[in-house]
C-alpha atoms as a PDB file:
ATOM      1  CA  MET A   1     -14.406 190.696 -20.667  1.00  0.00           C
ATOM      2  CA  ASP A   2     -10.716 189.932 -21.085  1.00  0.00           C
ATOM      3  CA  ILE A   3      -8.356 187.068 -22.569  1.00  0.00           C
ATOM      4  CA  LYS A   4      -8.286 185.153 -18.822  1.00  0.00           C
ATOM      5  CA  GLN A   5     -11.718 184.822 -18.890  1.00  0.00           C
ATOM      6  CA  LEU A   6     -12.112 183.451 -22.117  1.00  0.00           C
ATOM      7  CA  LYS A   7      -9.405 181.158 -21.464  1.00  0.00           C
ATOM      8  CA  ALA A   8     -10.774 179.887 -18.322  1.00  0.00           C
ATOM      9  CA  LEU A   9     -14.392 179.419 -20.261  1.00  0.00           C
ATOM     10  CA  VAL A  10     -12.738 177.521 -23.070  1.00  0.00           C
ATOM     11  CA  THR A  11     -10.405 175.261 -20.698  1.00  0.00           C
ATOM     12  CA  VAL A  12     -13.837 174.628 -18.569  1.00  0.00           C
ATOM     13  CA  ALA A  13     -15.796 173.733 -21.318  1.00  0.00           C
ATOM     14  CA  GLU A  14     -13.065 171.383 -22.993  1.00  0.00           C
ATOM     15  CA  VAL A  15     -12.337 169.299 -19.646  1.00  0.00           C
ATOM     16  CA  GLY A  16     -15.881 169.741 -18.203  1.00  0.00           C
ATOM     17  CA  SER A  17     -14.081 170.627 -14.342  1.00  0.00           C
ATOM     18  CA  VAL A  18     -13.064 173.747 -12.670  1.00  0.00           C
ATOM     19  CA  THR A  19     -10.522 171.589 -10.958  1.00  0.00           C
ATOM     20  CA  ARG A  20      -8.775 170.160 -13.814  1.00  0.00           C
ATOM     21  CA  ALA A  21      -9.113 173.524 -15.508  1.00  0.00           C
ATOM     22  CA  ALA A  22      -7.061 175.417 -12.559  1.00  0.00           C
ATOM     23  CA  GLU A  23      -4.711 172.838 -12.737  1.00  0.00           C
ATOM     24  CA  LEU A  24      -3.994 173.475 -16.601  1.00  0.00           C
ATOM     25  CA  LEU A  25      -4.233 177.081 -16.166  1.00  0.00           C
ATOM     26  CA  HIS A  26      -1.529 176.929 -13.439  1.00  0.00           C
ATOM     27  CA  LEU A  27      -4.560 178.847 -11.039  1.00  0.00           C
ATOM     28  CA  VAL A  28      -6.002 178.076  -8.109  1.00  0.00           C
ATOM     29  CA  GLN A  29      -9.607 176.550  -8.446  1.00  0.00           C
ATOM     30  CA  PRO A  30     -11.281 180.114  -6.856  1.00  0.00           C
ATOM     31  CA  ALA A  31      -9.645 182.103  -9.358  1.00  0.00           C
ATOM     32  CA  VAL A  32     -11.099 180.243 -12.132  1.00  0.00           C
ATOM     33  CA  THR A  33     -14.634 180.216 -10.297  1.00  0.00           C
ATOM     34  CA  ARG A  34     -14.275 183.726 -10.300  1.00  0.00           C
ATOM     35  CA  GLN A  35     -13.624 184.395 -13.830  1.00  0.00           C
ATOM     36  CA  ILE A  36     -16.326 181.992 -15.106  1.00  0.00           C
ATOM     37  CA  ARG A  37     -18.894 184.107 -12.487  1.00  0.00           C
ATOM     38  CA  THR A  38     -17.310 187.641 -13.558  1.00  0.00           C
ATOM     39  CA  LEU A  39     -17.888 186.543 -17.418  1.00  0.00           C
ATOM     40  CA  GLU A  40     -21.720 185.052 -16.609  1.00  0.00           C
ATOM     41  CA  GLN A  41     -22.218 188.696 -14.676  1.00  0.00           C
ATOM     42  CA  GLU A  42     -21.029 190.508 -17.395  1.00  0.00           C
ATOM     43  CA  LEU A  43     -23.041 188.825 -20.031  1.00  0.00           C
ATOM     44  CA  GLY A  44     -26.313 188.236 -17.982  1.00  0.00           C
ATOM     45  CA  VAL A  45     -27.019 184.719 -18.653  1.00  0.00           C
ATOM     46  CA  PRO A  46     -25.418 181.498 -17.209  1.00  0.00           C
ATOM     47  CA  LEU A  47     -22.689 179.578 -19.308  1.00  0.00           C
ATOM     48  CA  PHE A  48     -22.771 176.449 -17.343  1.00  0.00           C
ATOM     49  CA  GLU A  49     -24.942 174.312 -15.689  1.00  0.00           C
ATOM     50  CA  ARG A  50     -23.427 172.808 -12.448  1.00  0.00           C
ATOM     51  CA  THR A  51     -23.991 168.980 -12.479  1.00  0.00           C
ATOM     52  CA  ARG A  52     -22.886 166.035 -10.466  1.00  0.00           C
ATOM     53  CA  GLN A  53     -20.871 164.879 -13.780  1.00  0.00           C
ATOM     54  CA  GLY A  54     -19.226 168.277 -14.019  1.00  0.00           C
ATOM     55  CA  MET A  55     -19.835 171.751 -15.678  1.00  0.00           C
ATOM     56  CA  ARG A  56     -22.002 171.399 -18.756  1.00  0.00           C
ATOM     57  CA  LEU A  57     -22.087 174.356 -21.202  1.00  0.00           C
ATOM     58  CA  THR A  58     -25.561 176.001 -21.746  1.00  0.00           C
ATOM     59  CA  GLU A  59     -26.806 177.065 -25.096  1.00  0.00           C
ATOM     60  CA  ALA A  60     -25.694 180.239 -24.453  1.00  0.00           C
ATOM     61  CA  GLY A  61     -22.479 178.722 -23.048  1.00  0.00           C
ATOM     62  CA  ALA A  62     -21.750 176.808 -26.308  1.00  0.00           C
ATOM     63  CA  SER A  63     -22.243 179.849 -28.441  1.00  0.00           C
ATOM     64  CA  MET A  64     -19.703 181.779 -26.341  1.00  0.00           C
ATOM     65  CA  ALA A  65     -17.199 179.070 -26.081  1.00  0.00           C
ATOM     66  CA  GLU A  66     -16.824 178.786 -29.918  1.00  0.00           C
ATOM     67  CA  ARG A  67     -16.530 182.567 -30.346  1.00  0.00           C
ATOM     68  CA  ALA A  68     -14.235 182.796 -27.336  1.00  0.00           C
ATOM     69  CA  ARG A  69     -11.829 179.820 -29.287  1.00  0.00           C
ATOM     70  CA  ARG A  70     -11.972 181.441 -32.322  1.00  0.00           C
ATOM     71  CA  ALA A  71     -10.984 184.643 -30.734  1.00  0.00           C
ATOM     72  CA  LEU A  72      -8.063 183.159 -28.982  1.00  0.00           C
ATOM     73  CA  HIS A  73      -7.060 181.145 -31.989  1.00  0.00           C
ATOM     74  CA  GLU A  74      -6.887 184.726 -33.985  1.00  0.00           C
ATOM     75  CA  LEU A  75      -4.592 186.054 -31.302  1.00  0.00           C
ATOM     76  CA  ASP A  76      -2.212 183.247 -31.370  1.00  0.00           C
ATOM     77  CA  ARG A  77      -1.935 183.515 -35.106  1.00  0.00           C
ATOM     78  CA  ALA A  78      -1.899 187.313 -34.878  1.00  0.00           C
ATOM     79  CA  ARG A  79       1.540 186.565 -32.374  1.00  0.00           C
ATOM     80  CA  ALA A  80       3.002 184.254 -34.671  1.00  0.00           C
ATOM     81  CA  GLU A  81       2.743 186.542 -37.412  1.00  0.00           C
ATOM     82  CA  ILE A  82       4.061 190.029 -36.013  1.00  0.00           C
ATOM     83  CA  ARG A  83       6.919 188.424 -34.082  1.00  0.00           C
ATOM     84  CA  PRO A  84       9.811 189.227 -36.241  1.00  0.00           C
ATOM     85  CA  ASP A  85      12.121 186.183 -35.133  1.00  0.00           C
ATOM     86  CA  PRO A  86      10.633 183.002 -33.863  1.00  0.00           C
ATOM     87  CA  GLY A  87      13.807 182.314 -31.664  1.00  0.00           C
ATOM     88  CA  VAL A  88      13.277 185.792 -30.015  1.00  0.00           C
ATOM     89  CA  ILE A  89      11.149 185.801 -26.765  1.00  0.00           C
ATOM     90  CA  THR A  90       8.802 188.489 -26.359  1.00  0.00           C
ATOM     91  CA  GLY A  91       5.579 189.882 -24.543  1.00  0.00           C
ATOM     92  CA  THR A  92       5.063 191.275 -21.155  1.00  0.00           C
ATOM     93  CA  VAL A  93       6.187 189.515 -17.985  1.00  0.00           C
ATOM     94  CA  THR A  94       4.746 190.647 -14.637  1.00  0.00           C
ATOM     95  CA  VAL A  95       7.119 189.650 -11.865  1.00  0.00           C
ATOM     96  CA  GLY A  96       6.676 189.862  -8.006  1.00  0.00           C
ATOM     97  CA  VAL A  97       9.535 190.693  -5.649  1.00  0.00           C
ATOM     98  CA  LEU A  98       9.539 190.646  -1.820  1.00  0.00           C
ATOM     99  CA  GLU A  99       9.978 194.304  -1.003  1.00  0.00           C
ATOM    100  CA  SER A 100      12.431 193.227   1.604  1.00  0.00           C
ATOM    101  CA  ALA A 101      14.431 191.762  -1.439  1.00  0.00           C
ATOM    102  CA  ALA A 102      13.925 194.319  -3.872  1.00  0.00           C
ATOM    103  CA  PHE A 103      16.783 196.757  -3.475  1.00  0.00           C
ATOM    104  CA  LEU A 104      19.082 193.586  -3.452  1.00  0.00           C
ATOM    105  CA  ILE A 105      17.889 191.772  -6.336  1.00  0.00           C
ATOM    106  CA  ALA A 106      15.707 193.887  -8.431  1.00  0.00           C
ATOM    107  CA  GLU A 107      18.390 196.030 -10.458  1.00  0.00           C
ATOM    108  CA  PRO A 108      20.515 193.033 -11.399  1.00  0.00           C
ATOM    109  CA  PHE A 109      17.610 190.774 -12.462  1.00  0.00           C
ATOM    110  CA  VAL A 110      16.399 193.635 -14.604  1.00  0.00           C
ATOM    111  CA  ALA A 111      19.773 194.152 -16.420  1.00  0.00           C
ATOM    112  CA  ALA A 112      20.100 190.338 -17.014  1.00  0.00           C
ATOM    113  CA  VAL A 113      16.531 189.945 -18.384  1.00  0.00           C
ATOM    114  CA  LEU A 114      17.207 193.031 -20.445  1.00  0.00           C
ATOM    115  CA  ARG A 115      20.951 191.597 -21.502  1.00  0.00           C
ATOM    116  CA  ASP A 116      19.725 188.142 -22.580  1.00  0.00           C
ATOM    117  CA  HIS A 117      15.702 188.639 -23.794  1.00  0.00           C
ATOM    118  CA  PRO A 118      15.248 192.323 -24.805  1.00  0.00           C
ATOM    119  CA  GLY A 119      12.001 191.625 -26.423  1.00  0.00           C
ATOM    120  CA  ILE A 120      10.557 190.970 -22.881  1.00  0.00           C
ATOM    121  CA  GLU A 121       8.612 194.212 -21.659  1.00  0.00           C
ATOM    122  CA  LEU A 122       9.283 193.424 -17.877  1.00  0.00           C
ATOM    123  CA  ARG A 123       6.645 194.699 -15.331  1.00  0.00           C
ATOM    124  CA  LEU A 124       8.114 194.448 -11.351  1.00  0.00           C
ATOM    125  CA  VAL A 125       5.501 194.670  -8.297  1.00  0.00           C
ATOM    126  CA  THR A 126       7.153 194.789  -5.107  1.00  0.00           C
ATOM    127  CA  ALA A 127       4.989 193.650  -1.865  1.00  0.00           C
ATOM    128  CA  TYR A 128       4.765 191.392   1.212  1.00  0.00           C
ATOM    129  CA  SER A 129       4.804 187.554   0.919  1.00  0.00           C
ATOM    130  CA  GLY A 130       1.218 186.947   1.373  1.00  0.00           C
ATOM    131  CA  HIS A 131       0.116 189.680  -1.186  1.00  0.00           C
ATOM    132  CA  LEU A 132       2.442 188.257  -3.936  1.00  0.00           C
ATOM    133  CA  GLN A 133       0.917 184.627  -3.188  1.00  0.00           C
ATOM    134  CA  ASN A 134      -2.729 185.906  -3.421  1.00  0.00           C
ATOM    135  CA  TRP A 135      -1.651 187.870  -6.755  1.00  0.00           C
ATOM    136  CA  LEU A 136       0.278 184.536  -7.956  1.00  0.00           C
ATOM    137  CA  ASP A 137      -3.019 182.408  -7.579  1.00  0.00           C
ATOM    138  CA  GLU A 138      -5.047 185.010  -9.150  1.00  0.00           C
ATOM    139  CA  GLY A 139      -3.193 185.014 -12.313  1.00  0.00           C
ATOM    140  CA  ASP A 140      -1.975 188.940 -11.652  1.00  0.00           C
ATOM    141  CA  LEU A 141       1.835 187.523 -11.555  1.00  0.00           C
ATOM    142  CA  ASP A 142       3.573 185.263 -13.804  1.00  0.00           C
ATOM    143  CA  VAL A 143       6.145 184.508 -11.504  1.00  0.00           C
ATOM    144  CA  SER A 144       7.218 185.652  -8.007  1.00  0.00           C
ATOM    145  CA  LEU A 145       9.714 185.236  -5.191  1.00  0.00           C
ATOM    146  CA  LEU A 146       8.167 183.910  -1.857  1.00  0.00           C
ATOM    147  CA  TYR A 147       9.054 182.409   1.808  1.00  0.00           C
ATOM    148  CA  ASN A 148       9.143 178.920   2.419  1.00  0.00           C
ATOM    149  CA  LEU A 149       6.430 177.982  -0.246  1.00  0.00           C
ATOM    150  CA  THR A 150       5.627 174.115  -1.188  1.00  0.00           C
ATOM    151  CA  SER A 151       4.330 172.872  -4.443  1.00  0.00           C
ATOM    152  CA  THR A 152       0.807 172.856  -5.117  1.00  0.00           C
ATOM    153  CA  PRO A 153      -1.437 171.180  -8.085  1.00  0.00           C
ATOM    154  CA  SER A 154      -1.566 175.065  -9.494  1.00  0.00           C
ATOM    155  CA  LEU A 155       1.833 176.344  -9.031  1.00  0.00           C
ATOM    156  CA  ASN A 156       5.477 175.044  -9.552  1.00  0.00           C
ATOM    157  CA  VAL A 157       7.764 175.968  -7.390  1.00  0.00           C
ATOM    158  CA  GLU A 158      11.875 176.011  -7.671  1.00  0.00           C
ATOM    159  CA  PRO A 159      13.658 176.885  -4.182  1.00  0.00           C
ATOM    160  CA  LEU A 160      16.144 179.483  -4.888  1.00  0.00           C
ATOM    161  CA  ALA A 161      18.314 180.460  -2.004  1.00  0.00           C
ATOM    162  CA  ARG A 162      18.631 179.458   1.751  1.00  0.00           C
ATOM    163  CA  GLU A 163      19.454 182.225   4.543  1.00  0.00           C
ATOM    164  CA  ARG A 164      19.698 182.686   8.112  1.00  0.00           C
ATOM    165  CA  LEU A 165      17.354 184.913   9.994  1.00  0.00           C
ATOM    166  CA  TRP A 166      19.212 187.240  12.224  1.00  0.00           C
ATOM    167  CA  VAL A 167      18.334 188.786  15.438  1.00  0.00           C
ATOM    168  CA  VAL A 168      18.518 192.410  15.583  1.00  0.00           C
ATOM    169  CA  ALA A 169      18.447 194.335  18.884  1.00  0.00           C
ATOM    170  CA  PRO A 170      18.854 198.021  20.125  1.00  0.00           C
ATOM    171  CA  PRO A 171      22.253 199.774  20.424  1.00  0.00           C
ATOM    172  CA  GLY A 172      24.139 198.968  23.224  1.00  0.00           C
ATOM    173  CA  ASP A 173      21.952 195.391  23.775  1.00  0.00           C
ATOM    174  CA  GLY A 174      25.555 194.070  25.522  1.00  0.00           C
ATOM    175  CA  LEU A 175      25.410 191.059  23.245  1.00  0.00           C
ATOM    176  CA  ALA A 176      29.030 189.600  21.996  1.00  0.00           C
ATOM    177  CA  ALA A 177      29.375 190.416  18.213  1.00  0.00           C
ATOM    178  CA  GLY A 178      28.075 187.419  16.337  1.00  0.00           C
ATOM    179  CA  ARG A 179      26.911 185.486  19.061  1.00  0.00           C
ATOM    180  CA  PRO A 180      24.135 182.973  18.014  1.00  0.00           C
ATOM    181  CA  VAL A 181      20.826 184.000  20.041  1.00  0.00           C
ATOM    182  CA  PRO A 182      18.320 181.447  20.858  1.00  0.00           C
ATOM    183  CA  LEU A 183      14.406 181.673  20.562  1.00  0.00           C
ATOM    184  CA  ALA A 184      14.473 181.405  24.228  1.00  0.00           C
ATOM    185  CA  GLU A 185      16.659 184.182  25.092  1.00  0.00           C
ATOM    186  CA  LEU A 186      14.701 186.299  22.375  1.00  0.00           C
ATOM    187  CA  ALA A 187      11.422 185.627  24.692  1.00  0.00           C
ATOM    188  CA  ALA A 188      12.759 187.508  27.671  1.00  0.00           C
ATOM    189  CA  ARG A 189      12.568 190.662  25.554  1.00  0.00           C
ATOM    190  CA  ARG A 190       9.800 192.716  23.821  1.00  0.00           C
ATOM    191  CA  VAL A 191       9.780 191.968  20.029  1.00  0.00           C
ATOM    192  CA  VAL A 192       8.952 194.166  17.066  1.00  0.00           C
ATOM    193  CA  MET A 193       7.529 191.485  14.604  1.00  0.00           C
ATOM    194  CA  PRO A 194       5.989 191.538  11.207  1.00  0.00           C
ATOM    195  CA  ALA A 195       2.357 191.676  10.800  1.00  0.00           C
ATOM    196  CA  VAL A 196       0.368 188.152  11.196  1.00  0.00           C
ATOM    197  CA  GLY A 197      -0.002 186.913   7.935  1.00  0.00           C
ATOM    198  CA  HIS A 198       3.190 188.135   6.626  1.00  0.00           C
ATOM    199  CA  GLY A 199       5.352 185.461   5.184  1.00  0.00           C
ATOM    200  CA  LEU A 200       8.192 186.172   7.642  1.00  0.00           C
ATOM    201  CA  ARG A 201       5.754 186.104  10.403  1.00  0.00           C
ATOM    202  CA  VAL A 202       4.529 182.758   9.797  1.00  0.00           C
ATOM    203  CA  LEU A 203       8.116 181.207   9.659  1.00  0.00           C
ATOM    204  CA  ILE A 204       9.238 183.091  12.736  1.00  0.00           C
ATOM    205  CA  ASP A 205       5.525 181.596  14.537  1.00  0.00           C
ATOM    206  CA  ARG A 206       6.268 178.354  13.007  1.00  0.00           C
ATOM    207  CA  ALA A 207       9.889 178.102  14.677  1.00  0.00           C
ATOM    208  CA  CYS A 208       8.529 179.137  17.535  1.00  0.00           C
ATOM    209  CA  ALA A 209       6.020 176.611  18.366  1.00  0.00           C
ATOM    210  CA  GLN A 210       8.665 174.086  17.327  1.00  0.00           C
ATOM    211  CA  ALA A 211      10.887 175.614  20.081  1.00  0.00           C
ATOM    212  CA  GLU A 212       8.029 175.886  22.290  1.00  0.00           C
ATOM    213  CA  VAL A 213       8.934 179.355  22.916  1.00  0.00           C
ATOM    214  CA  GLU A 214       6.388 182.216  23.036  1.00  0.00           C
ATOM    215  CA  LEU A 215       7.657 185.874  21.955  1.00  0.00           C
ATOM    216  CA  GLU A 216       6.271 189.209  23.707  1.00  0.00           C
ATOM    217  CA  VAL A 217       5.175 190.830  20.919  1.00  0.00           C
ATOM    218  CA  SER A 218       5.044 194.715  21.691  1.00  0.00           C
ATOM    219  CA  VAL A 219       4.570 196.196  18.379  1.00  0.00           C
ATOM    220  CA  GLN A 220       3.631 194.543  14.958  1.00  0.00           C
ATOM    221  CA  THR A 221       3.929 196.224  11.392  1.00  0.00           C
ATOM    222  CA  ASN A 222       3.958 195.483   7.881  1.00  0.00           C
ATOM    223  CA  SER A 223       7.197 197.731   6.989  1.00  0.00           C
ATOM    224  CA  MET A 224      10.312 196.138   7.524  1.00  0.00           C
ATOM    225  CA  HIS A 225      11.740 199.866   7.577  1.00  0.00           C
ATOM    226  CA  LEU A 226       9.758 200.712  10.389  1.00  0.00           C
ATOM    227  CA  GLN A 227      10.446 197.443  12.206  1.00  0.00           C
ATOM    228  CA  LYS A 228      14.128 198.218  12.093  1.00  0.00           C
ATOM    229  CA  GLN A 229      13.495 202.251  12.835  1.00  0.00           C
ATOM    230  CA  LEU A 230      11.205 200.776  15.877  1.00  0.00           C
ATOM    231  CA  VAL A 231      14.292 198.556  17.177  1.00  0.00           C
ATOM    232  CA  GLN A 232      16.735 201.387  16.670  1.00  0.00           C
ATOM    233  CA  SER A 233      14.804 203.448  19.354  1.00  0.00           C
ATOM    234  CA  GLY A 234      14.543 200.885  21.820  1.00  0.00           C
ATOM    235  CA  HIS A 235      11.010 199.600  21.513  1.00  0.00           C
ATOM    236  CA  GLY A 236      11.810 195.930  21.211  1.00  0.00           C
ATOM    237  CA  TRP A 237      14.203 193.153  19.410  1.00  0.00           C
ATOM    238  CA  THR A 238      13.520 191.601  16.337  1.00  0.00           C
ATOM    239  CA  ILE A 239      13.975 188.893  13.845  1.00  0.00           C
ATOM    240  CA  LEU A 240      14.966 189.595   9.918  1.00  0.00           C
ATOM    241  CA  PRO A 241      16.212 187.844   7.044  1.00  0.00           C
ATOM    242  CA  GLY A 242      19.635 188.327   5.591  1.00  0.00           C
ATOM    243  CA  VAL A 243      18.771 190.505   2.929  1.00  0.00           C
ATOM    244  CA  GLY A 244      16.490 192.992   4.874  1.00  0.00           C
ATOM    245  CA  ILE A 245      19.739 193.805   6.865  1.00  0.00           C
ATOM    246  CA  ALA A 246      22.292 193.317   4.248  1.00  0.00           C
ATOM    247  CA  ASP A 247      22.426 197.389   3.380  1.00  0.00           C
ATOM    248  CA  ASP A 248      23.014 198.116   7.024  1.00  0.00           C
ATOM    249  CA  ILE A 249      25.521 195.789   7.621  1.00  0.00           C
ATOM    250  CA  SER A 250      27.440 197.026   4.536  1.00  0.00           C
ATOM    251  CA  ARG A 251      27.216 200.643   6.059  1.00  0.00           C
ATOM    252  CA  GLY A 252      28.222 199.322   9.472  1.00  0.00           C
ATOM    253  CA  THR A 253      25.097 200.744  11.373  1.00  0.00           C
ATOM    254  CA  ARG A 254      23.599 197.480  12.359  1.00  0.00           C
ATOM    255  CA  ALA A 255      25.137 194.533  14.198  1.00  0.00           C
ATOM    256  CA  PRO A 256      22.915 191.673  14.265  1.00  0.00           C
ATOM    257  CA  HIS A 257      23.304 188.706  15.409  1.00  0.00           C
ATOM    258  CA  PRO A 258      22.441 185.098  13.928  1.00  0.00           C
ATOM    259  CA  CYS A 259      19.143 183.709  15.289  1.00  0.00           C
ATOM    260  CA  ALA A 260      20.219 179.963  16.709  1.00  0.00           C
ATOM    261  CA  ASN A 261      16.855 178.248  15.513  1.00  0.00           C
ATOM    262  CA  PRO A 262      15.236 178.967  12.098  1.00  0.00           C
ATOM    263  CA  ARG A 263      16.392 179.502   8.679  1.00  0.00           C
ATOM    264  CA  SER A 264      14.219 180.657   5.967  1.00  0.00           C
ATOM    265  CA  SER A 265      14.309 179.809   2.037  1.00  0.00           C
ATOM    266  CA  ALA A 266      12.865 181.707  -0.720  1.00  0.00           C
END
């Protein structure tokens, strides 16, 4: 068993509802349910009776919840006693970073945190938007950078930036430098797209639906590097966020064109 399971047990016991406990713990309901179920399987006994009035502790559950409260209280006391300076923020923080943005923001982010909060141990996890959101929902991440996420009962969302999406074409595409490319024009080409479920793919599909445009997808991939490589080799055009091509532009290896329709936000 782990601290997350004990916190889930105590919180559900106190409020009598998995839904309310999930809100207080900043998790989604299935994550809390899974933590309780995993703890019951480990102990080999049911901890709650599921009733119409809510979650009611069994005799074994009441005994376990009381011990869990004491254990969590002792951990809090230990943290308070060991911490050298109440004004210093300490602990481990797990941060999710979009793989496409990692090379651009990871180093300055780490430098700023270590400068301003040297007591924090950072854990950086890079992945695609869908994976990061699942890990955030399950409580494996404390905070994450995501595409176009709206507020939910279990998550607090703060918009940080808006950036244009760019059309990237193979060499010799014949387009005037910097000319905006509408989605309707892109529909006449084969395109290399992020895999279904990728946050960027969701954003592009939504924009195409609004513009009543259907793209001819020749290849799907979960790798932005491979996406750009396939375009470079002439296998189709693609759409990428500015952060995904910033390094290419600075080195002069790619000349993207702004997409005339959607923008992305993170």
